[in-house]
Amino acid sequence: MEQREETSAQNDHVTDWPRAAALFVSALLLSQPVVHASVLIAGPLLFLLAAGRLRSLSVVIAAVLATVIVASGARDGVWYAERAWSVLVGGAFLAMTLLLPRWGFASRALGAVFGAIAAAAGVLAAREDAWGSLDSAFGERVRLLWDTSLDRIDSAGELTPAMVTYAHQIASAQTTVFPALVALASLAALGVAWWARARLAGRRDETLGPLRDFRFNDHLVWLFVVGLLLVVAQWGDALVRVGSNAVVFMGVLYALRGAAVFVFISGGLSLFGCLTFAIVFLLGAPLLVGVAVLLGIGDTWLDLRARVSEKNA
């Protein structure tokens, strides 16, 4: 029995690299152009490596590279904010890993992000106009990226007024919900850091679980509900923005949970199934995401995977 469990852990350790790659791509896409995914990964990785002691050359090299990533770049206000956030998330994740080792990775990562949000909110609230300056700086990054992209496409004469208007709408929406996008990117970055630390330290028991097992605390549904209420109630721009970020953050998590339920019920996807899913997603992404969110929320109330397991038992 023990040999079977060890073999299973080793197999998970070998086959979890696609999950790490998917998390890396997610961190890269979600963080741009507000923050750098490399910094979001390097900060937590430094904490995890330092806590485990530097015992091998590969660990030392990784720690040095992570330090170089964190220390590089032009040092302006955004640079310090970016590193401060990475330190907050990394420190909170390490604390939760040491204090709550029995919690799953997803629970610890979510706890770390929520803790970092609370700490950052306290610091920003204590300094007058700190949030306004930071918000303007990050918003400028988003606008600069879209303006640069539009200029490059326009040079080829392929832009229409409708396309420009749509691009500006996307840029505005991205500026509004960038806190939620950075928080989601941080979750993905923590997964990459956790995977890299396990690989470097040879910890075969510390793997990234399969998508089919992804879940989080059911009480977080109220964060989604409150966020939706704030958006619908329209009690001021500030509260609407808070609600929008809550809806986007939890909406993505529930879409992922819905995908986990689908994979669990279907028994997994073959290569052909993955290609078919990708094509369907490209053709009807909004509808598919909406169904996934509803399925994820339904799993909160009904525990669909447990019901399927009982039925098949």
C-alpha atoms as a PDB file:
ATOM      1  CA  MET A   1       0.000   0.000   0.000  1.00  0.00           C
ATOM      2  CA  GLU A   2       2.774   2.424   0.950  1.00  0.00           C
ATOM      3  CA  GLN A   3       4.651   1.535  -2.238  1.00  0.00           C
ATOM      4  CA  ARG A   4       1.551   2.318  -4.327  1.00  0.00           C
ATOM      5  CA  GLU A   5       1.109   5.719  -2.633  1.00  0.00           C
ATOM      6  CA  GLU A   6       4.782   6.543  -3.207  1.00  0.00           C
ATOM      7  CA  THR A   7       4.523   5.528  -6.863  1.00  0.00           C
ATOM      8  CA  SER A   8       1.382   7.687  -7.256  1.00  0.00           C
ATOM      9  CA  ALA A   9       3.154  10.690  -5.709  1.00  0.00           C
ATOM     10  CA  GLN A  10       6.126  10.188  -8.034  1.00  0.00           C
ATOM     11  CA  ASN A  11       3.830   9.990 -11.069  1.00  0.00           C
ATOM     12  CA  ASP A  12       2.071  13.208 -10.038  1.00  0.00           C
ATOM     13  CA  HIS A  13       5.455  14.852  -9.585  1.00  0.00           C
ATOM     14  CA  VAL A  14       6.499  13.845 -13.098  1.00  0.00           C
ATOM     15  CA  THR A  15       3.237  14.766 -14.827  1.00  0.00           C
ATOM     16  CA  ASP A  16       2.463  18.039 -13.085  1.00  0.00           C
ATOM     17  CA  TRP A  17       4.710  20.144 -15.333  1.00  0.00           C
ATOM     18  CA  PRO A  18       1.838  20.885 -17.794  1.00  0.00           C
ATOM     19  CA  ARG A  19      -0.120  22.343 -14.859  1.00  0.00           C
ATOM     20  CA  ALA A  20       2.860  24.510 -13.949  1.00  0.00           C
ATOM     21  CA  ALA A  21       3.196  25.603 -17.593  1.00  0.00           C
ATOM     22  CA  ALA A  22      -0.509  26.505 -17.736  1.00  0.00           C
ATOM     23  CA  LEU A  23      -0.176  28.515 -14.524  1.00  0.00           C
ATOM     24  CA  PHE A  24       2.889  30.314 -15.903  1.00  0.00           C
ATOM     25  CA  VAL A  25       1.030  31.297 -19.080  1.00  0.00           C
ATOM     26  CA  SER A  26      -1.943  32.415 -16.980  1.00  0.00           C
ATOM     27  CA  ALA A  27       0.287  34.564 -14.761  1.00  0.00           C
ATOM     28  CA  LEU A  28       1.912  36.071 -17.850  1.00  0.00           C
ATOM     29  CA  LEU A  29      -1.376  36.937 -19.564  1.00  0.00           C
ATOM     30  CA  LEU A  30      -3.216  38.187 -16.479  1.00  0.00           C
ATOM     31  CA  SER A  31      -0.398  40.373 -15.180  1.00  0.00           C
ATOM     32  CA  GLN A  32       0.365  42.232 -18.405  1.00  0.00           C
ATOM     33  CA  PRO A  33       0.858  45.115 -18.730  1.00  0.00           C
ATOM     34  CA  VAL A  34       0.346  46.146 -15.101  1.00  0.00           C
ATOM     35  CA  VAL A  35       3.039  44.084 -13.378  1.00  0.00           C
ATOM     36  CA  HIS A  36       5.698  41.578 -14.403  1.00  0.00           C
ATOM     37  CA  ALA A  37       4.862  37.897 -13.964  1.00  0.00           C
ATOM     38  CA  SER A  38       8.532  37.146 -13.321  1.00  0.00           C
ATOM     39  CA  VAL A  39       8.468  39.363 -10.210  1.00  0.00           C
ATOM     40  CA  LEU A  40       5.246  37.769  -8.967  1.00  0.00           C
ATOM     41  CA  ILE A  41       6.939  34.368  -9.221  1.00  0.00           C
ATOM     42  CA  ALA A  42      10.422  35.322  -8.004  1.00  0.00           C
ATOM     43  CA  GLY A  43       9.295  36.961  -4.745  1.00  0.00           C
ATOM     44  CA  PRO A  44       7.381  33.961  -3.310  1.00  0.00           C
ATOM     45  CA  LEU A  45      10.032  31.564  -4.642  1.00  0.00           C
ATOM     46  CA  LEU A  46      12.717  33.401  -2.665  1.00  0.00           C
ATOM     47  CA  PHE A  47      10.689  33.029   0.529  1.00  0.00           C
ATOM     48  CA  LEU A  48      10.110  29.325  -0.071  1.00  0.00           C
ATOM     49  CA  LEU A  49      13.740  28.599  -0.921  1.00  0.00           C
ATOM     50  CA  ALA A  50      15.059  30.562   2.065  1.00  0.00           C
ATOM     51  CA  ALA A  51      12.723  28.720   4.437  1.00  0.00           C
ATOM     52  CA  GLY A  52      13.927  25.357   3.152  1.00  0.00           C
ATOM     53  CA  ARG A  53      17.620  26.232   3.479  1.00  0.00           C
ATOM     54  CA  LEU A  54      19.949  26.355   0.488  1.00  0.00           C
ATOM     55  CA  ARG A  55      21.357  22.828   0.298  1.00  0.00           C
ATOM     56  CA  SER A  56      22.148  22.297  -3.382  1.00  0.00           C
ATOM     57  CA  LEU A  57      23.770  24.198  -6.227  1.00  0.00           C
ATOM     58  CA  SER A  58      20.541  24.259  -8.259  1.00  0.00           C
ATOM     59  CA  VAL A  59      18.685  25.852  -5.339  1.00  0.00           C
ATOM     60  CA  VAL A  60      21.414  28.463  -4.906  1.00  0.00           C
ATOM     61  CA  ILE A  61      21.352  29.288  -8.630  1.00  0.00           C
ATOM     62  CA  ALA A  62      17.559  29.604  -8.568  1.00  0.00           C
ATOM     63  CA  ALA A  63      17.737  31.880  -5.528  1.00  0.00           C
ATOM     64  CA  VAL A  64      20.332  34.093  -7.219  1.00  0.00           C
ATOM     65  CA  LEU A  65      18.261  34.337 -10.413  1.00  0.00           C
ATOM     66  CA  ALA A  66      15.131  35.183  -8.410  1.00  0.00           C
ATOM     67  CA  THR A  67      17.061  37.872  -6.534  1.00  0.00           C
ATOM     68  CA  VAL A  68      18.299  39.386  -9.802  1.00  0.00           C
ATOM     69  CA  ILE A  69      14.731  39.465 -11.170  1.00  0.00           C
ATOM     70  CA  VAL A  70      13.387  41.186  -8.060  1.00  0.00           C
ATOM     71  CA  ALA A  71      16.239  43.721  -7.940  1.00  0.00           C
ATOM     72  CA  SER A  72      16.302  44.620 -11.658  1.00  0.00           C
ATOM     73  CA  GLY A  73      14.369  47.358 -13.432  1.00  0.00           C
ATOM     74  CA  ALA A  74      14.053  51.131 -13.304  1.00  0.00           C
ATOM     75  CA  ARG A  75      13.227  52.152  -9.748  1.00  0.00           C
ATOM     76  CA  ASP A  76      10.143  54.315  -9.809  1.00  0.00           C
ATOM     77  CA  GLY A  77       6.991  54.257  -7.716  1.00  0.00           C
ATOM     78  CA  VAL A  78       5.482  51.354  -9.655  1.00  0.00           C
ATOM     79  CA  TRP A  79       8.712  49.358  -9.252  1.00  0.00           C
ATOM     80  CA  TYR A  80       8.498  49.611  -5.467  1.00  0.00           C
ATOM     81  CA  ALA A  81       4.769  48.845  -5.432  1.00  0.00           C
ATOM     82  CA  GLU A  82       5.300  45.786  -7.614  1.00  0.00           C
ATOM     83  CA  ARG A  83       8.033  44.397  -5.342  1.00  0.00           C
ATOM     84  CA  ALA A  84       6.100  45.256  -2.191  1.00  0.00           C
ATOM     85  CA  TRP A  85       3.102  43.293  -3.449  1.00  0.00           C
ATOM     86  CA  SER A  86       5.291  40.312  -4.344  1.00  0.00           C
ATOM     87  CA  VAL A  87       6.833  40.375  -0.853  1.00  0.00           C
ATOM     88  CA  LEU A  88       3.412  40.586   0.808  1.00  0.00           C
ATOM     89  CA  VAL A  89       2.052  37.639  -1.185  1.00  0.00           C
ATOM     90  CA  GLY A  90       5.208  35.563  -0.785  1.00  0.00           C
ATOM     91  CA  GLY A  91       5.498  36.236   2.937  1.00  0.00           C
ATOM     92  CA  ALA A  92       1.822  35.478   3.549  1.00  0.00           C
ATOM     93  CA  PHE A  93       2.029  32.234   1.565  1.00  0.00           C
ATOM     94  CA  LEU A  94       5.101  31.081   3.479  1.00  0.00           C
ATOM     95  CA  ALA A  95       3.409  31.901   6.794  1.00  0.00           C
ATOM     96  CA  MET A  96       0.311  29.912   5.828  1.00  0.00           C
ATOM     97  CA  THR A  97       2.435  27.010   4.597  1.00  0.00           C
ATOM     98  CA  LEU A  98       4.286  26.837   7.923  1.00  0.00           C
ATOM     99  CA  LEU A  99       1.261  27.411  10.150  1.00  0.00           C
ATOM    100  CA  LEU A 100      -1.329  25.441   8.170  1.00  0.00           C
ATOM    101  CA  PRO A 101       0.565  22.618   6.422  1.00  0.00           C
ATOM    102  CA  ARG A 102      -2.555  20.443   6.160  1.00  0.00           C
ATOM    103  CA  TRP A 103      -4.381  22.979   4.042  1.00  0.00           C
ATOM    104  CA  GLY A 104      -4.332  22.364   0.307  1.00  0.00           C
ATOM    105  CA  PHE A 105      -2.347  24.597  -1.998  1.00  0.00           C
ATOM    106  CA  ALA A 106      -5.410  26.443  -3.307  1.00  0.00           C
ATOM    107  CA  SER A 107      -6.601  27.326   0.204  1.00  0.00           C
ATOM    108  CA  ARG A 108      -3.170  28.584   1.244  1.00  0.00           C
ATOM    109  CA  ALA A 109      -2.708  30.572  -1.965  1.00  0.00           C
ATOM    110  CA  LEU A 110      -6.121  32.211  -1.624  1.00  0.00           C
ATOM    111  CA  GLY A 111      -5.435  32.993   2.030  1.00  0.00           C
ATOM    112  CA  ALA A 112      -2.104  34.554   1.079  1.00  0.00           C
ATOM    113  CA  VAL A 113      -3.663  36.759  -1.603  1.00  0.00           C
ATOM    114  CA  PHE A 114      -6.483  37.890   0.685  1.00  0.00           C
ATOM    115  CA  GLY A 115      -3.965  38.607   3.439  1.00  0.00           C
ATOM    116  CA  ALA A 116      -1.791  40.621   1.052  1.00  0.00           C
ATOM    117  CA  ILE A 117      -4.846  42.573  -0.126  1.00  0.00           C
ATOM    118  CA  ALA A 118      -5.764  43.434   3.476  1.00  0.00           C
ATOM    119  CA  ALA A 119      -2.195  44.519   4.285  1.00  0.00           C
ATOM    120  CA  ALA A 120      -1.886  46.589   1.094  1.00  0.00           C
ATOM    121  CA  ALA A 121      -5.263  48.232   1.710  1.00  0.00           C
ATOM    122  CA  GLY A 122      -4.141  49.216   5.210  1.00  0.00           C
ATOM    123  CA  VAL A 123      -0.900  50.746   3.947  1.00  0.00           C
ATOM    124  CA  LEU A 124      -2.615  52.647   1.124  1.00  0.00           C
ATOM    125  CA  ALA A 125      -5.339  53.918   3.447  1.00  0.00           C
ATOM    126  CA  ALA A 126      -2.739  55.297   5.822  1.00  0.00           C
ATOM    127  CA  ARG A 127      -1.129  57.453   3.121  1.00  0.00           C
ATOM    128  CA  GLU A 128      -3.116  60.246   1.541  1.00  0.00           C
ATOM    129  CA  ASP A 129      -3.611  59.915  -2.215  1.00  0.00           C
ATOM    130  CA  ALA A 130      -1.370  56.819  -2.317  1.00  0.00           C
ATOM    131  CA  TRP A 131      -4.025  54.733  -4.063  1.00  0.00           C
ATOM    132  CA  GLY A 132      -4.854  57.526  -6.508  1.00  0.00           C
ATOM    133  CA  SER A 133      -1.231  57.825  -7.616  1.00  0.00           C
ATOM    134  CA  LEU A 134      -0.810  54.068  -7.914  1.00  0.00           C
ATOM    135  CA  ASP A 135      -4.076  53.669  -9.802  1.00  0.00           C
ATOM    136  CA  SER A 136      -3.072  56.396 -12.262  1.00  0.00           C
ATOM    137  CA  ALA A 137       0.349  54.833 -12.825  1.00  0.00           C
ATOM    138  CA  PHE A 138      -1.049  51.367 -13.508  1.00  0.00           C
ATOM    139  CA  GLY A 139      -3.809  52.813 -15.696  1.00  0.00           C
ATOM    140  CA  GLU A 140      -1.181  54.630 -17.739  1.00  0.00           C
ATOM    141  CA  ARG A 141       0.621  51.331 -18.321  1.00  0.00           C
ATOM    142  CA  VAL A 142      -2.558  49.781 -19.686  1.00  0.00           C
ATOM    143  CA  ARG A 143      -3.304  52.734 -21.969  1.00  0.00           C
ATOM    144  CA  LEU A 144       0.285  52.843 -23.228  1.00  0.00           C
ATOM    145  CA  LEU A 145       0.181  49.165 -24.189  1.00  0.00           C
ATOM    146  CA  TRP A 146      -3.070  49.514 -26.098  1.00  0.00           C
ATOM    147  CA  ASP A 147      -2.042  52.770 -27.789  1.00  0.00           C
ATOM    148  CA  THR A 148       1.248  51.213 -28.902  1.00  0.00           C
ATOM    149  CA  SER A 149      -0.524  48.122 -30.213  1.00  0.00           C
ATOM    150  CA  LEU A 150      -3.099  50.205 -32.084  1.00  0.00           C
ATOM    151  CA  ASP A 151      -0.367  52.339 -33.645  1.00  0.00           C
ATOM    152  CA  ARG A 152       1.445  49.249 -34.925  1.00  0.00           C
ATOM    153  CA  ILE A 153      -1.729  47.784 -36.420  1.00  0.00           C
ATOM    154  CA  ASP A 154      -2.818  51.138 -37.839  1.00  0.00           C
ATOM    155  CA  SER A 155       0.492  51.489 -39.680  1.00  0.00           C
ATOM    156  CA  ALA A 156      -0.637  48.564 -41.839  1.00  0.00           C
ATOM    157  CA  GLY A 157      -3.958  50.287 -42.548  1.00  0.00           C
ATOM    158  CA  GLU A 158      -6.065  47.481 -41.072  1.00  0.00           C
ATOM    159  CA  LEU A 159      -7.912  49.430 -38.375  1.00  0.00           C
ATOM    160  CA  THR A 160     -11.499  50.632 -38.583  1.00  0.00           C
ATOM    161  CA  PRO A 161     -13.122  53.201 -36.245  1.00  0.00           C
ATOM    162  CA  ALA A 162     -15.212  50.425 -34.697  1.00  0.00           C
ATOM    163  CA  MET A 163     -12.078  48.408 -33.891  1.00  0.00           C
ATOM    164  CA  VAL A 164     -10.426  51.425 -32.264  1.00  0.00           C
ATOM    165  CA  THR A 165     -13.518  52.091 -30.153  1.00  0.00           C
ATOM    166  CA  TYR A 166     -13.682  48.445 -29.066  1.00  0.00           C
ATOM    167  CA  ALA A 167      -9.994  48.448 -28.145  1.00  0.00           C
ATOM    168  CA  HIS A 168     -10.450  51.571 -26.009  1.00  0.00           C
ATOM    169  CA  GLN A 169     -13.384  49.909 -24.247  1.00  0.00           C
ATOM    170  CA  ILE A 170     -11.243  46.873 -23.440  1.00  0.00           C
ATOM    171  CA  ALA A 171      -8.453  49.123 -22.157  1.00  0.00           C
ATOM    172  CA  SER A 172     -10.918  50.985 -19.933  1.00  0.00           C
ATOM    173  CA  ALA A 173     -12.323  47.729 -18.547  1.00  0.00           C
ATOM    174  CA  GLN A 174      -8.834  46.350 -17.934  1.00  0.00           C
ATOM    175  CA  THR A 175      -7.880  49.543 -16.092  1.00  0.00           C
ATOM    176  CA  THR A 176     -10.961  49.220 -13.878  1.00  0.00           C
ATOM    177  CA  VAL A 177     -10.393  45.599 -12.853  1.00  0.00           C
ATOM    178  CA  PHE A 178      -6.599  45.444 -12.831  1.00  0.00           C
ATOM    179  CA  PRO A 179      -6.553  44.710  -9.052  1.00  0.00           C
ATOM    180  CA  ALA A 180      -8.562  41.526  -9.669  1.00  0.00           C
ATOM    181  CA  LEU A 181      -6.324  40.567 -12.602  1.00  0.00           C
ATOM    182  CA  VAL A 182      -3.172  41.080 -10.522  1.00  0.00           C
ATOM    183  CA  ALA A 183      -4.677  39.012  -7.694  1.00  0.00           C
ATOM    184  CA  LEU A 184      -5.487  36.183 -10.124  1.00  0.00           C
ATOM    185  CA  ALA A 185      -2.007  36.427 -11.649  1.00  0.00           C
ATOM    186  CA  SER A 186      -0.566  36.194  -8.131  1.00  0.00           C
ATOM    187  CA  LEU A 187      -2.468  32.955  -7.506  1.00  0.00           C
ATOM    188  CA  ALA A 188      -1.035  31.501 -10.701  1.00  0.00           C
ATOM    189  CA  ALA A 189       2.436  32.775  -9.819  1.00  0.00           C
ATOM    190  CA  LEU A 190       2.254  31.103  -6.399  1.00  0.00           C
ATOM    191  CA  GLY A 191       1.492  27.832  -8.163  1.00  0.00           C
ATOM    192  CA  VAL A 192       4.575  28.199 -10.356  1.00  0.00           C
ATOM    193  CA  ALA A 193       6.749  29.109  -7.361  1.00  0.00           C
ATOM    194  CA  TRP A 194       5.402  26.151  -5.355  1.00  0.00           C
ATOM    195  CA  TRP A 195       6.068  23.778  -8.259  1.00  0.00           C
ATOM    196  CA  ALA A 196       9.598  25.145  -8.819  1.00  0.00           C
ATOM    197  CA  ARG A 197      10.428  24.869  -5.123  1.00  0.00           C
ATOM    198  CA  ALA A 198       9.209  21.250  -5.011  1.00  0.00           C
ATOM    199  CA  ARG A 199      11.260  20.363  -8.080  1.00  0.00           C
ATOM    200  CA  LEU A 200      14.415  22.066  -6.818  1.00  0.00           C
ATOM    201  CA  ALA A 201      14.108  20.560  -3.339  1.00  0.00           C
ATOM    202  CA  GLY A 202      13.151  17.099  -4.608  1.00  0.00           C
ATOM    203  CA  ARG A 203       9.880  17.106  -2.667  1.00  0.00           C
ATOM    204  CA  ARG A 204       7.845  14.541  -4.582  1.00  0.00           C
ATOM    205  CA  ASP A 205       4.938  14.834  -2.160  1.00  0.00           C
ATOM    206  CA  GLU A 206       4.414  18.537  -2.886  1.00  0.00           C
ATOM    207  CA  THR A 207       2.800  18.566  -6.300  1.00  0.00           C
ATOM    208  CA  LEU A 208       0.142  20.644  -8.009  1.00  0.00           C
ATOM    209  CA  GLY A 209      -3.123  18.723  -7.867  1.00  0.00           C
ATOM    210  CA  PRO A 210      -5.091  17.940 -11.031  1.00  0.00           C
ATOM    211  CA  LEU A 211      -7.772  20.333 -12.257  1.00  0.00           C
ATOM    212  CA  ARG A 212     -10.531  17.832 -11.463  1.00  0.00           C
ATOM    213  CA  ASP A 213      -9.842  18.276  -7.734  1.00  0.00           C
ATOM    214  CA  PHE A 214      -9.814  22.083  -7.728  1.00  0.00           C
ATOM    215  CA  ARG A 215     -12.100  23.630  -5.113  1.00  0.00           C
ATOM    216  CA  PHE A 216     -12.022  26.350  -2.464  1.00  0.00           C
ATOM    217  CA  ASN A 217     -13.973  27.443   0.595  1.00  0.00           C
ATOM    218  CA  ASP A 218     -17.699  27.428  -0.186  1.00  0.00           C
ATOM    219  CA  HIS A 219     -18.282  30.570   1.909  1.00  0.00           C
ATOM    220  CA  LEU A 220     -16.415  32.631  -0.702  1.00  0.00           C
ATOM    221  CA  VAL A 221     -19.601  32.562  -2.755  1.00  0.00           C
ATOM    222  CA  TRP A 222     -20.757  35.470  -0.605  1.00  0.00           C
ATOM    223  CA  LEU A 223     -17.874  37.571  -1.909  1.00  0.00           C
ATOM    224  CA  PHE A 224     -19.232  36.999  -5.404  1.00  0.00           C
ATOM    225  CA  VAL A 225     -22.794  37.772  -4.263  1.00  0.00           C
ATOM    226  CA  VAL A 226     -21.789  40.997  -2.470  1.00  0.00           C
ATOM    227  CA  GLY A 227     -19.709  42.082  -5.468  1.00  0.00           C
ATOM    228  CA  LEU A 228     -22.642  41.501  -7.784  1.00  0.00           C
ATOM    229  CA  LEU A 229     -24.900  43.477  -5.439  1.00  0.00           C
ATOM    230  CA  LEU A 230     -22.499  46.430  -5.454  1.00  0.00           C
ATOM    231  CA  VAL A 231     -22.387  46.439  -9.251  1.00  0.00           C
ATOM    232  CA  VAL A 232     -26.167  46.260  -9.614  1.00  0.00           C
ATOM    233  CA  ALA A 233     -26.989  48.723  -6.805  1.00  0.00           C
ATOM    234  CA  GLN A 234     -24.790  51.508  -8.256  1.00  0.00           C
ATOM    235  CA  TRP A 235     -24.032  53.134  -4.862  1.00  0.00           C
ATOM    236  CA  GLY A 236     -21.178  55.222  -6.229  1.00  0.00           C
ATOM    237  CA  ASP A 237     -18.227  54.716  -8.544  1.00  0.00           C
ATOM    238  CA  ALA A 238     -15.883  53.500  -5.790  1.00  0.00           C
ATOM    239  CA  LEU A 239     -18.260  50.758  -4.591  1.00  0.00           C
ATOM    240  CA  VAL A 240     -19.099  49.751  -8.161  1.00  0.00           C
ATOM    241  CA  ARG A 241     -15.414  49.317  -8.857  1.00  0.00           C
ATOM    242  CA  VAL A 242     -14.922  47.248  -5.697  1.00  0.00           C
ATOM    243  CA  GLY A 243     -17.855  45.099  -6.746  1.00  0.00           C
ATOM    244  CA  SER A 244     -16.554  44.727 -10.306  1.00  0.00           C
ATOM    245  CA  ASN A 245     -13.195  43.498  -9.075  1.00  0.00           C
ATOM    246  CA  ALA A 246     -14.849  41.037  -6.681  1.00  0.00           C
ATOM    247  CA  VAL A 247     -17.076  39.680  -9.465  1.00  0.00           C
ATOM    248  CA  VAL A 248     -14.153  39.290 -11.901  1.00  0.00           C
ATOM    249  CA  PHE A 249     -11.895  37.641  -9.300  1.00  0.00           C
ATOM    250  CA  MET A 250     -14.494  35.184  -8.023  1.00  0.00           C
ATOM    251  CA  GLY A 251     -16.015  34.735 -11.489  1.00  0.00           C
ATOM    252  CA  VAL A 252     -12.717  33.402 -12.852  1.00  0.00           C
ATOM    253  CA  LEU A 253     -12.310  31.106  -9.856  1.00  0.00           C
ATOM    254  CA  TYR A 254     -15.842  29.763 -10.261  1.00  0.00           C
ATOM    255  CA  ALA A 255     -15.310  29.275 -13.992  1.00  0.00           C
ATOM    256  CA  LEU A 256     -12.213  27.230 -13.139  1.00  0.00           C
ATOM    257  CA  ARG A 257     -14.184  25.286 -10.533  1.00  0.00           C
ATOM    258  CA  GLY A 258     -16.898  24.640 -13.118  1.00  0.00           C
ATOM    259  CA  ALA A 259     -14.253  23.329 -15.521  1.00  0.00           C
ATOM    260  CA  ALA A 260     -12.995  21.059 -12.726  1.00  0.00           C
ATOM    261  CA  VAL A 261     -16.504  19.657 -12.235  1.00  0.00           C
ATOM    262  CA  PHE A 262     -16.834  19.027 -15.973  1.00  0.00           C
ATOM    263  CA  VAL A 263     -13.473  17.229 -16.139  1.00  0.00           C
ATOM    264  CA  PHE A 264     -14.392  15.164 -13.073  1.00  0.00           C
ATOM    265  CA  ILE A 265     -17.778  14.111 -14.453  1.00  0.00           C
ATOM    266  CA  SER A 266     -16.483  13.422 -17.972  1.00  0.00           C
ATOM    267  CA  GLY A 267     -13.530  11.444 -16.656  1.00  0.00           C
ATOM    268  CA  GLY A 268     -10.968  13.708 -18.282  1.00  0.00           C
ATOM    269  CA  LEU A 269     -10.240  15.044 -21.752  1.00  0.00           C
ATOM    270  CA  SER A 270      -8.253  13.343 -24.489  1.00  0.00           C
ATOM    271  CA  LEU A 271      -6.034  15.289 -26.878  1.00  0.00           C
ATOM    272  CA  PHE A 272      -8.903  15.386 -29.377  1.00  0.00           C
ATOM    273  CA  GLY A 273     -11.223  16.539 -26.605  1.00  0.00           C
ATOM    274  CA  CYS A 274      -8.848  19.356 -25.656  1.00  0.00           C
ATOM    275  CA  LEU A 275      -8.630  20.520 -29.278  1.00  0.00           C
ATOM    276  CA  THR A 276     -12.421  20.400 -29.621  1.00  0.00           C
ATOM    277  CA  PHE A 277     -12.827  22.342 -26.386  1.00  0.00           C
ATOM    278  CA  ALA A 278     -10.342  24.983 -27.605  1.00  0.00           C
ATOM    279  CA  ILE A 279     -12.290  25.452 -30.860  1.00  0.00           C
ATOM    280  CA  VAL A 280     -15.628  25.674 -29.046  1.00  0.00           C
ATOM    281  CA  PHE A 281     -14.138  28.159 -26.589  1.00  0.00           C
ATOM    282  CA  LEU A 282     -12.901  30.401 -29.400  1.00  0.00           C
ATOM    283  CA  LEU A 283     -16.316  30.346 -31.063  1.00  0.00           C
ATOM    284  CA  GLY A 284     -18.419  30.905 -27.964  1.00  0.00           C
ATOM    285  CA  ALA A 285     -16.187  32.030 -25.088  1.00  0.00           C
ATOM    286  CA  PRO A 286     -18.733  34.244 -23.243  1.00  0.00           C
ATOM    287  CA  LEU A 287     -21.415  31.550 -23.248  1.00  0.00           C
ATOM    288  CA  LEU A 288     -18.954  28.830 -22.265  1.00  0.00           C
ATOM    289  CA  VAL A 289     -17.498  30.897 -19.424  1.00  0.00           C
ATOM    290  CA  GLY A 290     -20.994  31.732 -18.199  1.00  0.00           C
ATOM    291  CA  VAL A 291     -21.942  28.051 -18.112  1.00  0.00           C
ATOM    292  CA  ALA A 292     -18.697  27.221 -16.282  1.00  0.00           C
ATOM    293  CA  VAL A 293     -19.377  29.916 -13.664  1.00  0.00           C
ATOM    294  CA  LEU A 294     -22.892  28.591 -13.063  1.00  0.00           C
ATOM    295  CA  LEU A 295     -21.554  25.059 -12.816  1.00  0.00           C
ATOM    296  CA  GLY A 296     -18.906  26.186 -10.334  1.00  0.00           C
ATOM    297  CA  ILE A 297     -21.447  28.019  -8.185  1.00  0.00           C
ATOM    298  CA  GLY A 298     -23.736  24.995  -8.377  1.00  0.00           C
ATOM    299  CA  ASP A 299     -20.911  22.836  -7.056  1.00  0.00           C
ATOM    300  CA  THR A 300     -20.721  25.151  -4.032  1.00  0.00           C
ATOM    301  CA  TRP A 301     -24.316  24.423  -3.055  1.00  0.00           C
ATOM    302  CA  LEU A 302     -24.751  20.863  -4.362  1.00  0.00           C
ATOM    303  CA  ASP A 303     -21.234  19.358  -4.183  1.00  0.00           C
ATOM    304  CA  LEU A 304     -21.740  17.799  -7.605  1.00  0.00           C
ATOM    305  CA  ARG A 305     -18.556  15.745  -7.550  1.00  0.00           C
ATOM    306  CA  ALA A 306     -19.489  14.060  -4.293  1.00  0.00           C
ATOM    307  CA  ARG A 307     -22.930  13.211  -5.691  1.00  0.00           C
ATOM    308  CA  VAL A 308     -21.410  11.677  -8.813  1.00  0.00           C
ATOM    309  CA  SER A 309     -18.954   9.669  -6.696  1.00  0.00           C
ATOM    310  CA  GLU A 310     -21.783   8.348  -4.507  1.00  0.00           C
ATOM    311  CA  LYS A 311     -23.845   7.445  -7.557  1.00  0.00           C
ATOM    312  CA  ASN A 312     -20.957   5.529  -9.145  1.00  0.00           C
ATOM    313  CA  ALA A 313     -19.967   3.798  -5.903  1.00  0.00           C
END
